[in-house]
C-alpha atoms as a PDB file:
ATOM      1  CA  MET A   1      -2.781  -5.929   8.888  1.00  0.00           C
ATOM      2  CA  ILE A   2      -0.429  -4.685   6.193  1.00  0.00           C
ATOM      3  CA  ARG A   3       0.972  -1.395   7.388  1.00  0.00           C
ATOM      4  CA  ALA A   4       1.398   1.337   4.824  1.00  0.00           C
ATOM      5  CA  GLN A   5       2.012   5.045   4.783  1.00  0.00           C
ATOM      6  CA  ALA A   6       1.956   7.916   2.357  1.00  0.00           C
ATOM      7  CA  THR A   7       4.298  10.861   2.783  1.00  0.00           C
ATOM      8  CA  ALA A   8       4.526  14.220   1.063  1.00  0.00           C
ATOM      9  CA  ASP A   9       7.489  14.416  -1.308  1.00  0.00           C
ATOM     10  CA  GLU A  10       8.556  17.805  -0.010  1.00  0.00           C
ATOM     11  CA  ASP A  11       7.949  17.161   3.699  1.00  0.00           C
ATOM     12  CA  SER A  12       8.125  13.611   5.067  1.00  0.00           C
ATOM     13  CA  SER A  13       6.604  14.765   8.363  1.00  0.00           C
ATOM     14  CA  ILE A  14       3.305  15.096   6.482  1.00  0.00           C
ATOM     15  CA  LEU A  15       2.043  11.541   6.356  1.00  0.00           C
ATOM     16  CA  VAL A  16      -0.930   9.270   6.700  1.00  0.00           C
ATOM     17  CA  LEU A  17      -0.843   5.705   7.995  1.00  0.00           C
ATOM     18  CA  PHE A  18      -3.294   3.111   6.699  1.00  0.00           C
ATOM     19  CA  ASP A  19      -4.002  -0.605   6.474  1.00  0.00           C
ATOM     20  CA  ALA A  20      -3.380  -1.942   2.967  1.00  0.00           C
ATOM     21  CA  GLU A  21      -4.596  -5.479   3.686  1.00  0.00           C
ATOM     22  CA  PRO A  22      -8.096  -5.017   2.219  1.00  0.00           C
ATOM     23  CA  TRP A  23      -6.517  -3.965  -1.083  1.00  0.00           C
ATOM     24  CA  PHE A  24      -4.295  -7.055  -1.058  1.00  0.00           C
ATOM     25  CA  GLU A  25      -7.343  -9.237  -0.411  1.00  0.00           C
ATOM     26  CA  ASN A  26      -8.870  -7.882  -3.644  1.00  0.00           C
ATOM     27  CA  ALA A  27      -5.724  -7.691  -5.785  1.00  0.00           C
ATOM     28  CA  THR A  28      -5.008  -9.884  -8.780  1.00  0.00           C
ATOM     29  CA  ALA A  29      -1.856 -11.982  -9.038  1.00  0.00           C
ATOM     30  CA  GLN A  30      -0.605  -9.588 -11.712  1.00  0.00           C
ATOM     31  CA  GLN A  31      -1.111  -6.583  -9.414  1.00  0.00           C
ATOM     32  CA  LEU A  32       0.683  -8.332  -6.550  1.00  0.00           C
ATOM     33  CA  SER A  33       3.567  -9.252  -8.817  1.00  0.00           C
ATOM     34  CA  SER A  34       3.837  -5.735 -10.227  1.00  0.00           C
ATOM     35  CA  LEU A  35       3.805  -4.168  -6.774  1.00  0.00           C
ATOM     36  CA  ALA A  36       6.483  -6.594  -5.570  1.00  0.00           C
ATOM     37  CA  ALA A  37       8.645  -5.772  -8.588  1.00  0.00           C
ATOM     38  CA  ASN A  38       8.556  -2.135  -7.432  1.00  0.00           C
ATOM     39  CA  ASP A  39       9.488  -2.996  -3.826  1.00  0.00           C
ATOM     40  CA  TYR A  40       5.988  -2.055  -2.634  1.00  0.00           C
ATOM     41  CA  SER A  41       6.635   1.668  -3.043  1.00  0.00           C
ATOM     42  CA  ASN A  42       7.335   4.586  -5.345  1.00  0.00           C
ATOM     43  CA  CYS A  43       5.062   3.493  -8.182  1.00  0.00           C
ATOM     44  CA  GLU A  44       1.629   4.270  -9.572  1.00  0.00           C
ATOM     45  CA  LEU A  45       0.253   0.984  -8.281  1.00  0.00           C
ATOM     46  CA  ALA A  46       1.365   1.770  -4.713  1.00  0.00           C
ATOM     47  CA  ASP A  47      -0.332   5.162  -5.062  1.00  0.00           C
ATOM     48  CA  ALA A  48      -3.449   3.357  -6.279  1.00  0.00           C
ATOM     49  CA  VAL A  49      -3.502   1.298  -3.066  1.00  0.00           C
ATOM     50  CA  LEU A  50      -3.964   4.535  -1.109  1.00  0.00           C
ATOM     51  CA  ARG A  51      -6.677   5.806  -3.449  1.00  0.00           C
ATOM     52  CA  TRP A  52      -8.458   2.425  -3.298  1.00  0.00           C
ATOM     53  CA  THR A  53      -8.276   2.456   0.506  1.00  0.00           C
ATOM     54  CA  GLU A  54      -9.771   5.943   0.612  1.00  0.00           C
ATOM     55  CA  ALA A  55     -12.678   4.793  -1.550  1.00  0.00           C
ATOM     56  CA  PHE A  56     -13.383   1.438   0.068  1.00  0.00           C
ATOM     57  CA  THR A  57     -12.246   1.462   3.690  1.00  0.00           C
ATOM     58  CA  GLU A  58     -14.986   0.952   6.237  1.00  0.00           C
ATOM     59  CA  ARG A  59     -12.919   2.645   8.940  1.00  0.00           C
ATOM     60  CA  ARG A  60     -14.199   6.190   9.258  1.00  0.00           C
ATOM     61  CA  ASP A  61     -11.060   7.527  10.925  1.00  0.00           C
ATOM     62  CA  GLU A  62      -8.859   6.019   8.223  1.00  0.00           C
ATOM     63  CA  LYS A  63     -11.023   7.477   5.443  1.00  0.00           C
ATOM     64  CA  ARG A  64     -11.059  10.890   7.149  1.00  0.00           C
ATOM     65  CA  ASN A  65      -7.264  10.904   7.591  1.00  0.00           C
ATOM     66  CA  ILE A  66      -6.642   9.932   3.971  1.00  0.00           C
ATOM     67  CA  LYS A  67      -9.029  12.643   2.764  1.00  0.00           C
ATOM     68  CA  ARG A  68      -7.189  15.199   4.921  1.00  0.00           C
ATOM     69  CA  PHE A  69      -3.861  14.025   3.526  1.00  0.00           C
ATOM     70  CA  PHE A  70      -5.073  14.391  -0.071  1.00  0.00           C
ATOM     71  CA  ARG A  71      -6.550  17.800   0.696  1.00  0.00           C
ATOM     72  CA  TRP A  72      -3.257  18.963   2.193  1.00  0.00           C
ATOM     73  CA  ILE A  73      -1.234  17.566  -0.715  1.00  0.00           C
ATOM     74  CA  THR A  74      -3.543  19.232  -3.236  1.00  0.00           C
ATOM     75  CA  ASP A  75      -3.608  22.582  -1.445  1.00  0.00           C
ATOM     76  CA  SER A  76       0.185  22.575  -1.093  1.00  0.00           C
ATOM     77  CA  ASP A  77       0.768  21.375  -4.656  1.00  0.00           C
ATOM     78  CA  TYR A  78       2.984  18.577  -3.305  1.00  0.00           C
ATOM     79  CA  GLY A  79       3.462  15.106  -4.641  1.00  0.00           C
ATOM     80  CA  TYR A  80       3.455  12.013  -2.460  1.00  0.00           C
ATOM     81  CA  GLU A  81       4.832   8.505  -2.245  1.00  0.00           C
ATOM     82  CA  VAL A  82       3.274   5.385  -0.760  1.00  0.00           C
ATOM     83  CA  TYR A  83       5.339   2.824   1.139  1.00  0.00           C
ATOM     84  CA  ILE A  84       3.925  -0.588   2.013  1.00  0.00           C
ATOM     85  CA  GLU A  85       5.638  -2.682   4.694  1.00  0.00           C
ATOM     86  CA  GLU A  86       7.197  -5.627   2.853  1.00  0.00           C
ATOM     87  CA  LYS A  87       7.485  -7.784   5.993  1.00  0.00           C
ATOM     88  CA  ASP A  88       3.749  -7.438   6.550  1.00  0.00           C
ATOM     89  CA  VAL A  89       3.105  -8.481   2.946  1.00  0.00           C
ATOM     90  CA  THR A  90       5.303 -11.557   3.399  1.00  0.00           C
ATOM     91  CA  GLN A  91       3.468 -12.547   6.586  1.00  0.00           C
ATOM     92  CA  TRP A  92       0.123 -11.990   4.881  1.00  0.00           C
ATOM     93  CA  MET A  93       1.175 -14.224   1.997  1.00  0.00           C
ATOM     94  CA  TRP A  94       2.197 -17.037   4.353  1.00  0.00           C
ATOM     95  CA  LYS A  95      -1.051 -16.815   6.316  1.00  0.00           C
ATOM     96  CA  ARG A  96      -3.246 -16.444   3.253  1.00  0.00           C
ATOM     97  CA  HIS A  97      -1.676 -19.274   1.294  1.00  0.00           C
ATOM     98  CA  THR A  98      -1.210 -22.209   3.604  1.00  0.00           C
ATOM     99  CA  LYS A  99       1.462 -23.858   1.467  1.00  0.00           C
ATOM    100  CA  PRO A 100       2.876 -21.399  -1.050  1.00  0.00           C
ATOM    101  CA  SER A 101       5.723 -22.641  -3.124  1.00  0.00           C
ATOM    102  CA  LEU A 102       9.014 -20.937  -2.369  1.00  0.00           C
ATOM    103  CA  ASP A 103       9.374 -20.105  -6.057  1.00  0.00           C
ATOM    104  CA  ALA A 104       6.042 -18.246  -5.996  1.00  0.00           C
ATOM    105  CA  VAL A 105       6.974 -16.330  -2.854  1.00  0.00           C
ATOM    106  CA  ASP A 106      10.393 -15.403  -4.279  1.00  0.00           C
ATOM    107  CA  TYR A 107       8.751 -14.302  -7.524  1.00  0.00           C
ATOM    108  CA  LEU A 108       6.213 -12.106  -5.748  1.00  0.00           C
ATOM    109  CA  LEU A 109       8.939 -10.614  -3.563  1.00  0.00           C
ATOM    110  CA  GLY A 110      11.019  -9.898  -6.631  1.00  0.00           C
ATOM    111  CA  GLN A 111      13.942 -12.106  -5.604  1.00  0.00           C
END
């Protein structure tokens, strides 16, 4: 699981939690690199992870909660930001790639 959350710009108590791992499983190397370069947050690609999850998640409760979040954001005319847990991404990369080169990991983490 790669934990992620979206929060309303104007009120951080308005949030939705979701699992970003399915998006990562389908992402290209370029998308992963771009997301890492933006510290896994505060960018259009991070926002796209939430929209992708809403469209493709098989978890009904997750889909329902994301739809509610978007409805609330739209009705309130608020913006939002998505934050993806970097430590979870790092663990996912190590599990997914049995022997990643340290250079590749550092590159994807933006270091």
